[in-house]
Amino acid sequence: MSVALALTLGVITLAIALSDAGAGSLWRHAYHVPVVVASLRWGGGGVLAALAAMLLYTPFVLPALERGGPSRAVLEGLITLALLLGVGVSSGALAAGVRRQRARYQTLVAVQRAVDGEAPLDVALVRLRACLEARLGGAVGLAVRDGDRVALAGGAAVAPGSPVARVLAAGGPLFVPDLGGGVRPRRCFVAPLVGRGGTTGALALERQGDIGAEDRRTVLALATHVGLALENARLAARQRRFAEELAEKVTAATRHVVEMDRMKSDFVAIASHELRTPLTALQGFSELLATRRFAPAEIARVGAIMNAETERLGRIVADFLDLARLERGLAPPLRRAPVDAGALVADAVDVLRRARPTHRLELDCDDALPKIDADPDALDRVVKNLVSNAVKYSPAGSRVRVTARPQMAPPAVEIIVEDEGPGIAADDLPRVFEPYYRTAGGARVASGTGLGLAVVKSLVDAHGGSIRVENVAPHGTRMTLVLPALP
């Protein structure tokens, strides 16, 4: 840019010179070219070039002044001398200002690059300090608030009463003519870094030489830019974290939707099988009873089978209805009444003990169990479901232990069902109460719709109780049901 400007001024100078008649006029105007070029190239060097041109041109002016007095040619020569000096000073000042603006712009670009990226704040401050020291010609210190701490680059910790501490507290610039110490004077200028929340930090410049008004303006401008750059870097980092978290949530939600779709597809197939099994049994036995004659004992046996399959079908239909309410966000309907929890648990265990003779069902029921406010049919379904699951997923001949005991604070009844099965994988434990969910191991061991525990959880929640599942050593699973007792 400076070369182009010099060439332009040179062409204009030559045009003016050639338009005059005298040879002296050509040389007089041509002196401006080196002055302008020196000013654009070296700034203050333009003044020296102007003085040199004046010295070269003076021998043409002063002798003429001495010989003929103040003639027109002499006046033009004096004007030329003044123009040479004026052009040198003004063009030098203009070039110096342009260079200062360029240096400031380059510094701002370097500052922006220092804080760009994903580097931690401490690393960014070290890079920023090195960048500023190279351009400000002094020791630079940076202090930036980062939550409850103050991140530092250059200098020790921020001492109470220090210039940096005072700027952080007051929020305005501070100039210290002499910091004291062994080498004096040591001057210091501290400018605040301002963000959205007010003063977020401080930029300190320390020198043995002078820190003039121009230097202070430069430091203030840099502090403003550094504060904005750090604030923008924080916002960018926050946006990146938000985008990453959002992407993770979207990925997890998509994975969950895909898994739920798969689980529902599996559920349709399993439900069809679960419904078909009792229906097939009912149809087959009813046809036998209608077409053949059986002894009374055989009729009783077939009737018992049909009754069991009917109950099984009823449980499946009830689970479907409860699931429909659950997916609509409706609580299951309850017909509450004071219930003797001990008697209810004992009856449920006795029924299942006769129905599942392959396992050893043990009952430990406290005699002083308080009554609970519950729907007896719903509670019976809960207990039978838990015990049936324990039997279903544990090997034949193993023990299933049911414990019912009071809980004092707050008053409640605690029902525990423990089995000696393989247990549940740690990753599956948080999901066993989800609708349609079946563990990989459970799907291989026994059939089912995957609705039982989801329905149990909804019934327990409707009663104001809680249920949890855990593995027990060396193997097995423990289901713990807690229901509030009547006062």
Protein backbone atom coordinates (compact mmCIF):
# COMPACT_ATOMS: atom_id res chain seq x y z
CA MET A 1 0.00 0.00 0.00
CA SER A 2 2.83 2.43 0.91
CA VAL A 3 4.65 1.70 -2.37
CA ALA A 4 1.49 2.40 -4.39
CA LEU A 5 0.92 5.66 -2.52
CA ALA A 6 4.53 6.73 -3.07
CA LEU A 7 4.32 6.01 -6.80
CA THR A 8 1.05 7.95 -7.05
CA LEU A 9 2.54 10.99 -5.29
CA GLY A 10 5.66 10.74 -7.43
CA VAL A 11 3.61 10.80 -10.65
CA ILE A 12 1.64 13.81 -9.40
CA THR A 13 4.89 15.57 -8.46
CA LEU A 14 6.41 15.00 -11.90
CA ALA A 15 3.21 16.20 -13.59
CA ILE A 16 3.29 19.44 -11.59
CA ALA A 17 6.99 19.89 -12.25
CA LEU A 18 6.72 19.35 -16.01
CA SER A 19 3.86 21.84 -16.22
CA ASP A 20 6.25 24.64 -15.06
CA ALA A 21 8.66 26.36 -17.41
CA GLY A 22 11.93 26.34 -15.49
CA ALA A 23 14.33 23.52 -14.83
CA GLY A 24 14.54 24.62 -11.21
CA SER A 25 10.85 24.04 -10.84
CA LEU A 26 11.29 20.39 -11.86
CA TRP A 27 13.94 19.76 -9.21
CA ARG A 28 12.05 21.75 -6.62
CA HIS A 29 8.97 19.51 -6.85
CA ALA A 30 10.96 16.31 -7.37
CA TYR A 31 12.36 16.66 -3.84
CA HIS A 32 8.94 15.66 -2.50
CA VAL A 33 9.25 12.12 -3.85
CA PRO A 34 12.06 10.85 -1.57
CA VAL A 35 10.47 12.68 1.37
CA VAL A 36 7.13 10.91 0.86
CA VAL A 37 8.77 7.54 0.20
CA ALA A 38 10.91 7.83 3.34
CA SER A 39 7.86 8.83 5.39
CA LEU A 40 5.83 5.88 4.18
CA ARG A 41 8.69 3.45 4.65
CA TRP A 42 10.18 4.61 7.95
CA GLY A 43 7.67 7.05 9.46
CA GLY A 44 9.89 9.49 11.35
CA GLY A 45 12.49 9.03 8.63
CA GLY A 46 10.37 11.33 6.47
CA VAL A 47 11.36 14.30 8.62
CA LEU A 48 15.04 13.44 8.18
CA ALA A 49 14.53 13.12 4.44
CA ALA A 50 12.79 16.51 4.41
CA LEU A 51 15.70 18.11 6.28
CA ALA A 52 18.18 16.52 3.89
CA ALA A 53 16.19 17.79 0.91
CA MET A 54 16.08 21.27 2.46
CA LEU A 55 19.86 21.24 2.88
CA LEU A 56 20.27 20.23 -0.75
CA TYR A 57 17.80 22.82 -1.95
CA THR A 58 18.93 25.72 0.29
CA PRO A 59 21.99 26.59 -1.92
CA PHE A 60 19.56 27.41 -4.73
CA VAL A 61 17.45 29.71 -2.55
CA LEU A 62 19.74 31.60 -0.15
CA PRO A 63 22.22 32.94 -2.78
CA ALA A 64 19.30 34.20 -4.87
CA LEU A 65 17.86 35.86 -1.75
CA GLU A 66 21.20 37.53 -1.02
CA ARG A 67 21.68 38.70 -4.61
CA GLY A 68 18.24 39.88 -5.58
CA GLY A 69 16.21 40.09 -2.42
CA PRO A 70 12.74 38.61 -1.98
CA SER A 71 11.83 38.03 -5.58
CA ARG A 72 9.12 35.70 -6.86
CA ALA A 73 11.62 32.86 -7.39
CA VAL A 74 12.96 33.31 -3.87
CA LEU A 75 9.46 33.24 -2.38
CA GLU A 76 8.68 30.07 -4.31
CA GLY A 77 11.88 28.54 -2.99
CA LEU A 78 11.00 29.43 0.61
CA ILE A 79 7.53 27.98 0.12
CA THR A 80 9.13 24.82 -1.25
CA LEU A 81 11.31 24.54 1.85
CA ALA A 82 8.24 24.89 4.08
CA LEU A 83 6.33 22.35 2.01
CA LEU A 84 9.21 19.89 2.24
CA LEU A 85 9.19 20.12 6.02
CA GLY A 86 5.38 19.97 6.22
CA VAL A 87 5.13 17.00 3.90
CA GLY A 88 7.83 15.17 5.83
CA VAL A 89 6.19 15.76 9.20
CA SER A 90 2.58 15.08 8.12
CA SER A 91 3.30 12.05 5.95
CA GLY A 92 5.58 10.62 8.64
CA ALA A 93 2.88 11.05 11.28
CA LEU A 94 0.28 9.52 8.96
CA ALA A 95 2.51 6.54 8.20
CA ALA A 96 3.31 6.05 11.89
CA GLY A 97 -0.40 6.11 12.71
CA VAL A 98 -1.14 3.56 10.00
CA ARG A 99 1.61 1.31 11.34
CA ARG A 100 0.24 1.62 14.87
CA GLN A 101 -3.24 0.69 13.65
CA ARG A 102 -1.82 -2.27 11.75
CA ALA A 103 0.14 -3.42 14.79
CA ARG A 104 -2.97 -3.08 16.95
CA TYR A 105 -5.03 -5.06 14.46
CA GLN A 106 -2.37 -7.77 14.28
CA THR A 107 -2.32 -7.90 18.08
CA LEU A 108 -6.10 -8.27 18.21
CA VAL A 109 -5.96 -11.08 15.66
CA ALA A 110 -3.20 -12.79 17.68
CA VAL A 111 -5.28 -12.41 20.86
CA GLN A 112 -8.28 -13.99 19.16
CA ARG A 113 -6.17 -16.90 17.93
CA ALA A 114 -4.71 -17.40 21.41
CA VAL A 115 -8.13 -17.92 23.00
CA ASP A 116 -9.71 -19.82 20.10
CA GLY A 117 -9.98 -23.58 20.26
CA GLU A 118 -10.89 -25.96 23.06
CA ALA A 119 -7.83 -25.49 25.28
CA PRO A 120 -8.44 -25.16 29.06
CA LEU A 121 -8.52 -21.63 30.47
CA ASP A 122 -5.07 -21.88 32.09
CA VAL A 123 -3.47 -22.96 28.80
CA ALA A 124 -5.25 -20.19 26.87
CA LEU A 125 -4.03 -17.58 29.38
CA VAL A 126 -0.41 -18.73 29.04
CA ARG A 127 -0.64 -18.41 25.25
CA LEU A 128 -2.36 -15.04 25.59
CA ARG A 129 0.29 -13.73 27.96
CA ALA A 130 3.13 -14.72 25.60
CA CYS A 131 1.33 -13.02 22.72
CA LEU A 132 0.82 -9.75 24.65
CA GLU A 133 4.36 -9.61 26.07
CA ALA A 134 5.81 -9.88 22.56
CA ARG A 135 3.78 -6.84 21.47
CA LEU A 136 3.65 -4.63 24.56
CA GLY A 137 7.34 -4.79 25.44
CA GLY A 138 6.94 -5.51 29.13
CA ALA A 139 5.94 -8.10 31.69
CA VAL A 140 2.27 -9.01 31.32
CA GLY A 141 0.08 -10.64 33.95
CA LEU A 142 -3.45 -11.96 33.50
CA ALA A 143 -5.99 -12.82 36.18
CA VAL A 144 -9.39 -14.21 35.18
CA ARG A 145 -12.25 -15.30 37.42
CA ASP A 146 -13.24 -18.91 36.77
CA GLY A 147 -16.06 -19.84 39.10
CA ASP A 148 -14.81 -19.71 42.69
CA ARG A 149 -11.14 -19.46 41.72
CA VAL A 150 -8.96 -16.92 39.90
CA ALA A 151 -6.92 -18.35 37.01
CA LEU A 152 -3.49 -16.70 36.67
CA ALA A 153 -0.87 -16.35 33.97
CA GLY A 154 2.25 -14.49 35.06
CA GLY A 155 2.94 -13.44 38.61
CA ALA A 156 2.07 -15.06 41.92
CA ALA A 157 -1.34 -15.38 43.51
CA VAL A 158 -3.45 -12.24 43.72
CA ALA A 159 -2.51 -10.74 47.08
CA PRO A 160 -5.03 -8.60 48.96
CA GLY A 161 -4.38 -4.93 48.27
CA SER A 162 -2.27 -5.58 45.17
CA PRO A 163 -3.01 -3.54 42.02
CA VAL A 164 -4.67 -6.53 40.37
CA ALA A 165 -6.82 -7.21 43.46
CA ARG A 166 -7.87 -3.55 43.57
CA VAL A 167 -8.88 -3.58 39.90
CA LEU A 168 -10.81 -6.85 40.36
CA ALA A 169 -12.67 -5.26 43.28
CA ALA A 170 -13.25 -1.75 41.87
CA GLY A 171 -13.55 -2.56 38.17
CA GLY A 172 -11.60 0.49 36.90
CA PRO A 173 -8.08 0.95 35.44
CA LEU A 174 -5.18 1.67 37.79
CA PHE A 175 -1.73 3.20 37.15
CA VAL A 176 1.04 2.72 39.70
CA PRO A 177 4.07 5.02 39.05
CA ASP A 178 6.44 2.92 41.16
CA LEU A 179 5.92 -0.57 42.55
CA GLY A 180 9.09 -0.38 44.64
CA GLY A 181 11.54 -3.23 44.96
CA GLY A 182 15.20 -3.56 44.06
CA VAL A 183 15.05 -2.08 40.55
CA ARG A 184 13.25 1.25 40.45
CA PRO A 185 11.15 2.75 39.11
CA ARG A 186 8.88 -0.13 38.12
CA ARG A 187 5.68 1.21 36.65
CA CYS A 188 2.48 -0.80 36.36
CA PHE A 189 -0.80 -0.27 34.57
CA VAL A 190 -3.75 -2.59 35.22
CA ALA A 191 -6.89 -2.61 33.06
CA PRO A 192 -10.08 -4.54 33.87
CA LEU A 193 -11.37 -7.36 31.68
CA VAL A 194 -15.10 -6.83 31.33
CA GLY A 195 -17.65 -9.51 30.44
CA ARG A 196 -21.40 -9.91 30.72
CA GLY A 197 -21.27 -10.26 34.48
CA GLY A 198 -19.10 -7.18 35.06
CA THR A 199 -15.39 -7.33 35.79
CA THR A 200 -14.20 -10.84 34.97
CA GLY A 201 -10.45 -10.31 35.28
CA ALA A 202 -7.50 -7.95 34.92
CA LEU A 203 -4.65 -7.31 32.46
CA ALA A 204 -1.46 -5.90 34.01
CA LEU A 205 1.54 -4.39 32.16
CA GLU A 206 4.75 -3.82 34.12
CA ARG A 207 7.81 -1.94 32.82
CA GLN A 208 10.91 -0.23 34.08
CA GLY A 209 10.43 2.41 31.40
CA ASP A 210 7.58 4.82 30.97
CA ILE A 211 4.00 3.72 30.36
CA GLY A 212 2.63 6.71 28.51
CA ALA A 213 -0.88 7.75 27.65
CA GLU A 214 -0.73 5.99 24.27
CA ASP A 215 0.46 2.77 25.95
CA ARG A 216 -2.37 2.98 28.45
CA ARG A 217 -4.94 3.46 25.69
CA THR A 218 -3.47 0.44 23.93
CA VAL A 219 -3.67 -1.68 27.09
CA LEU A 220 -7.26 -0.56 27.71
CA ALA A 221 -8.25 -1.44 24.15
CA LEU A 222 -6.52 -4.82 24.44
CA ALA A 223 -8.19 -5.48 27.79
CA THR A 224 -11.60 -4.78 26.25
CA HIS A 225 -10.87 -7.14 23.39
CA VAL A 226 -9.40 -9.83 25.67
CA GLY A 227 -12.46 -9.66 27.93
CA LEU A 228 -14.80 -10.06 24.97
CA ALA A 229 -12.64 -12.81 23.45
CA LEU A 230 -12.61 -14.79 26.71
CA GLU A 231 -16.36 -14.30 27.11
CA ASN A 232 -16.94 -15.48 23.54
CA ALA A 233 -14.62 -18.44 24.14
CA ARG A 234 -16.63 -19.36 27.25
CA LEU A 235 -19.89 -19.11 25.32
CA ALA A 236 -18.47 -21.15 22.45
CA ALA A 237 -17.23 -23.82 24.87
CA ARG A 238 -20.62 -23.85 26.58
CA GLN A 239 -22.36 -24.20 23.22
CA ARG A 240 -20.02 -27.03 22.26
CA ARG A 241 -20.76 -28.82 25.53
CA PHE A 242 -24.49 -28.24 25.06
CA ALA A 243 -24.32 -29.53 21.48
CA GLU A 244 -22.37 -32.60 22.60
CA GLU A 245 -24.79 -33.28 25.46
CA LEU A 246 -27.75 -32.75 23.12
CA ALA A 247 -26.22 -35.11 20.56
CA GLU A 248 -25.69 -37.72 23.27
CA LYS A 249 -29.28 -37.33 24.48
CA VAL A 250 -30.65 -37.55 20.94
CA THR A 251 -28.53 -40.64 20.30
CA ALA A 252 -29.70 -42.22 23.56
CA ALA A 253 -33.33 -41.31 22.83
CA THR A 254 -33.07 -42.73 19.32
CA ARG A 255 -31.51 -45.89 20.67
CA HIS A 256 -34.27 -46.12 23.27
CA VAL A 257 -37.00 -45.65 20.64
CA VAL A 258 -35.45 -48.32 18.43
CA GLU A 259 -35.17 -50.67 21.41
CA MET A 260 -38.76 -49.97 22.48
CA ASP A 261 -39.94 -50.68 18.95
CA ARG A 262 -38.05 -53.97 18.97
CA MET A 263 -39.39 -54.82 22.42
CA LYS A 264 -42.96 -54.09 21.31
CA SER A 265 -42.50 -56.28 18.25
CA ASP A 266 -41.18 -59.05 20.49
CA PHE A 267 -44.07 -58.44 22.86
CA VAL A 268 -46.65 -58.90 20.10
CA ALA A 269 -45.10 -62.24 19.18
CA ILE A 270 -44.80 -63.34 22.82
CA ALA A 271 -48.30 -62.14 23.71
CA SER A 272 -49.75 -64.06 20.79
CA HIS A 273 -48.02 -67.18 22.06
CA GLU A 274 -49.05 -66.57 25.68
CA LEU A 275 -52.67 -66.11 24.65
CA ARG A 276 -52.68 -69.03 22.25
CA THR A 277 -51.39 -71.51 24.84
CA PRO A 278 -54.30 -71.33 27.32
CA LEU A 279 -56.83 -70.90 24.51
CA THR A 280 -55.52 -74.04 22.81
CA ALA A 281 -55.73 -75.96 26.08
CA LEU A 282 -59.26 -74.73 26.76
CA GLN A 283 -60.40 -75.56 23.24
CA GLY A 284 -58.83 -79.01 23.27
CA PHE A 285 -60.18 -80.08 26.66
CA SER A 286 -63.64 -78.65 25.95
CA GLU A 287 -63.80 -80.66 22.71
CA LEU A 288 -62.77 -83.80 24.60
CA LEU A 289 -65.46 -83.27 27.21
CA ALA A 290 -68.05 -82.66 24.49
CA THR A 291 -67.21 -85.72 22.37
CA ARG A 292 -66.15 -88.39 24.87
CA ARG A 293 -67.24 -89.86 28.14
CA PHE A 294 -64.83 -89.72 31.08
CA ALA A 295 -64.82 -91.06 34.57
CA PRO A 296 -65.68 -88.53 37.29
CA ALA A 297 -62.04 -88.44 38.47
CA GLU A 298 -60.81 -87.71 34.95
CA ILE A 299 -63.45 -85.02 34.51
CA ALA A 300 -62.28 -83.40 37.75
CA ARG A 301 -58.68 -83.48 36.56
CA VAL A 302 -59.55 -81.94 33.18
CA GLY A 303 -61.73 -79.34 34.92
CA ALA A 304 -58.86 -78.34 37.18
CA ILE A 305 -56.59 -77.92 34.15
CA MET A 306 -59.19 -75.82 32.37
CA ASN A 307 -59.68 -73.71 35.48
CA ALA A 308 -55.93 -73.11 35.78
CA GLU A 309 -55.68 -72.13 32.10
CA THR A 310 -58.67 -69.83 32.51
CA GLU A 311 -57.01 -68.12 35.47
CA ARG A 312 -53.81 -67.82 33.43
CA LEU A 313 -55.73 -66.23 30.58
CA GLY A 314 -57.44 -63.87 33.01
CA ARG A 315 -54.09 -62.76 34.43
CA ILE A 316 -52.75 -62.03 30.93
CA VAL A 317 -55.85 -60.00 30.03
CA ALA A 318 -55.61 -58.11 33.34
CA ASP A 319 -51.97 -57.31 32.59
CA PHE A 320 -52.95 -55.97 29.16
CA LEU A 321 -55.62 -53.74 30.69
CA ASP A 322 -53.22 -52.45 33.33
CA LEU A 323 -50.61 -51.77 30.65
CA ALA A 324 -53.12 -49.76 28.63
CA ARG A 325 -53.86 -47.62 31.70
CA LEU A 326 -50.15 -47.29 32.44
CA GLU A 327 -49.32 -46.04 28.93
CA ARG A 328 -52.13 -43.47 29.17
CA GLY A 329 -50.71 -42.26 32.46
CA LEU A 330 -53.71 -43.48 34.47
CA ALA A 331 -53.42 -45.04 37.91
CA PRO A 332 -54.91 -48.52 38.23
CA PRO A 333 -58.35 -48.53 39.89
CA LEU A 334 -58.18 -49.63 43.51
CA ARG A 335 -60.87 -50.73 45.97
CA ARG A 336 -59.10 -50.03 49.22
CA ALA A 337 -59.91 -51.65 52.51
CA PRO A 338 -58.02 -52.58 55.70
CA VAL A 339 -56.07 -55.71 54.76
CA ASP A 340 -54.39 -58.27 57.01
CA ALA A 341 -51.07 -58.41 55.16
CA GLY A 342 -49.89 -61.54 56.99
CA ALA A 343 -52.96 -63.58 56.07
CA LEU A 344 -52.90 -62.37 52.47
CA VAL A 345 -49.22 -63.29 52.00
CA ALA A 346 -49.74 -66.69 53.66
CA ASP A 347 -52.71 -67.51 51.39
CA ALA A 348 -50.79 -66.50 48.26
CA VAL A 349 -47.76 -68.60 49.23
CA ASP A 350 -50.00 -71.58 50.07
CA VAL A 351 -51.70 -71.43 46.64
CA LEU A 352 -48.38 -71.24 44.82
CA ARG A 353 -46.86 -73.98 46.99
CA ARG A 354 -49.54 -76.37 45.76
CA ALA A 355 -49.27 -75.13 42.15
CA ARG A 356 -45.45 -75.28 42.05
CA PRO A 357 -44.39 -78.41 43.94
CA THR A 358 -41.01 -78.39 42.14
CA HIS A 359 -39.67 -75.66 44.47
CA ARG A 360 -39.37 -75.27 48.22
CA LEU A 361 -41.47 -72.26 49.20
CA GLU A 362 -40.70 -71.05 52.73
CA LEU A 363 -42.69 -68.42 54.59
CA ASP A 364 -41.45 -66.35 57.53
CA CYS A 365 -44.33 -64.11 58.57
CA ASP A 366 -44.23 -61.94 61.68
CA ASP A 367 -47.26 -62.41 63.92
CA ALA A 368 -47.47 -58.69 64.78
CA LEU A 369 -47.90 -57.35 61.27
CA PRO A 370 -50.03 -54.19 61.18
CA LYS A 371 -52.89 -53.88 58.75
CA ILE A 372 -52.49 -51.89 55.55
CA ASP A 373 -54.92 -49.81 53.49
CA ALA A 374 -54.87 -51.68 50.17
CA ASP A 375 -56.87 -53.31 47.42
CA PRO A 376 -56.75 -57.00 48.44
CA ASP A 377 -57.06 -58.29 44.86
CA ALA A 378 -54.31 -55.96 43.61
CA LEU A 379 -52.03 -56.86 46.52
CA ASP A 380 -52.68 -60.57 45.94
CA ARG A 381 -51.62 -60.11 42.29
CA VAL A 382 -48.45 -58.33 43.39
CA VAL A 383 -47.38 -61.03 45.85
CA LYS A 384 -48.23 -63.91 43.51
CA ASN A 385 -46.41 -62.22 40.63
CA LEU A 386 -43.25 -61.76 42.70
CA VAL A 387 -43.30 -65.33 44.03
CA SER A 388 -44.15 -66.78 40.58
CA ASN A 389 -41.22 -64.90 39.05
CA ALA A 390 -38.90 -66.23 41.74
CA VAL A 391 -40.05 -69.79 41.01
CA LYS A 392 -39.93 -69.33 37.25
CA TYR A 393 -36.34 -68.04 37.13
CA SER A 394 -34.74 -70.36 39.70
CA PRO A 395 -33.78 -74.02 39.21
CA ALA A 396 -36.08 -76.86 40.27
CA GLY A 397 -35.54 -77.99 43.84
CA SER A 398 -34.18 -74.60 44.93
CA ARG A 399 -35.61 -72.56 47.77
CA VAL A 400 -37.84 -69.48 47.44
CA ARG A 401 -38.12 -67.62 50.74
CA VAL A 402 -40.91 -65.13 51.48
CA THR A 403 -40.54 -62.86 54.51
CA ALA A 404 -43.15 -60.44 55.88
CA ARG A 405 -42.19 -58.18 58.78
CA PRO A 406 -43.14 -54.81 60.24
CA GLN A 407 -41.11 -51.67 59.69
CA MET A 408 -41.17 -49.17 62.53
CA ALA A 409 -40.09 -45.81 61.07
CA PRO A 410 -42.19 -44.95 59.22
CA PRO A 411 -44.81 -47.59 60.06
CA ALA A 412 -44.99 -50.02 57.14
CA VAL A 413 -45.08 -53.66 56.13
CA GLU A 414 -42.03 -55.07 54.36
CA ILE A 415 -42.45 -58.14 52.12
CA ILE A 416 -39.26 -59.76 50.81
CA VAL A 417 -39.07 -62.49 48.15
CA GLU A 418 -35.67 -64.19 47.68
CA ASP A 419 -34.72 -66.91 45.23
CA GLU A 420 -31.61 -68.94 44.43
CA GLY A 421 -31.59 -68.28 40.69
CA PRO A 422 -28.75 -66.87 38.57
CA GLY A 423 -29.53 -63.28 39.51
CA ILE A 424 -29.89 -60.28 37.20
CA ALA A 425 -27.08 -58.60 35.27
CA ALA A 426 -26.05 -55.25 36.75
CA ASP A 427 -26.97 -53.41 33.54
CA ASP A 428 -30.46 -54.91 33.61
CA LEU A 429 -31.29 -54.10 37.24
CA PRO A 430 -32.45 -50.48 36.64
CA ARG A 431 -34.76 -51.58 33.81
CA VAL A 432 -36.56 -54.64 35.15
CA PHE A 433 -39.70 -52.58 35.94
CA GLU A 434 -39.98 -51.13 32.40
CA PRO A 435 -42.89 -52.34 30.24
CA TYR A 436 -41.94 -55.01 27.68
CA TYR A 437 -38.42 -55.30 29.09
CA ARG A 438 -36.98 -58.79 29.51
CA THR A 439 -33.41 -59.57 30.44
CA ALA A 440 -31.39 -61.62 27.99
CA GLY A 441 -30.91 -64.39 30.55
CA GLY A 442 -34.56 -64.35 31.59
CA ALA A 443 -35.79 -64.69 28.01
CA ARG A 444 -33.74 -67.87 27.65
CA VAL A 445 -34.93 -69.40 30.93
CA ALA A 446 -38.69 -68.85 30.77
CA SER A 447 -41.42 -67.40 28.59
CA GLY A 448 -43.44 -64.33 29.47
CA THR A 449 -44.81 -61.03 28.19
CA GLY A 450 -42.43 -58.75 30.07
CA LEU A 451 -45.39 -56.95 31.65
CA GLY A 452 -45.55 -58.55 35.09
CA LEU A 453 -43.05 -56.41 36.95
CA ALA A 454 -44.19 -53.23 35.17
CA VAL A 455 -47.74 -53.90 36.39
CA VAL A 456 -46.43 -54.72 39.88
CA LYS A 457 -44.58 -51.39 39.98
CA SER A 458 -47.67 -49.45 38.91
CA LEU A 459 -49.83 -51.18 41.56
CA VAL A 460 -47.25 -50.57 44.29
CA ASP A 461 -46.93 -46.90 43.31
CA ALA A 462 -50.72 -46.54 43.37
CA HIS A 463 -50.67 -47.80 46.98
CA GLY A 464 -48.01 -45.24 47.93
CA GLY A 465 -45.40 -47.95 48.45
CA SER A 466 -42.02 -48.78 46.98
CA ILE A 467 -40.31 -51.78 45.44
CA ARG A 468 -36.66 -52.46 44.71
CA VAL A 469 -34.62 -55.31 43.29
CA GLU A 470 -31.08 -56.42 44.10
CA ASN A 471 -28.81 -59.41 43.71
CA VAL A 472 -27.79 -61.48 46.73
CA ALA A 473 -24.63 -63.47 47.36
CA PRO A 474 -23.60 -66.02 46.27
CA HIS A 475 -26.42 -65.99 43.70
CA GLY A 476 -30.07 -65.12 43.54
CA THR A 477 -32.38 -62.12 43.51
CA ARG A 478 -34.18 -60.24 46.27
CA MET A 479 -37.38 -58.25 45.71
CA THR A 480 -38.31 -55.92 48.57
CA LEU A 481 -41.82 -54.49 48.73
CA VAL A 482 -42.71 -51.78 51.29
CA LEU A 483 -46.33 -50.69 51.87
CA PRO A 484 -47.42 -48.03 54.40
CA ALA A 485 -49.30 -49.41 57.41
CA LEU A 486 -52.50 -48.09 58.89
CA PRO A 487 -51.98 -45.98 62.03
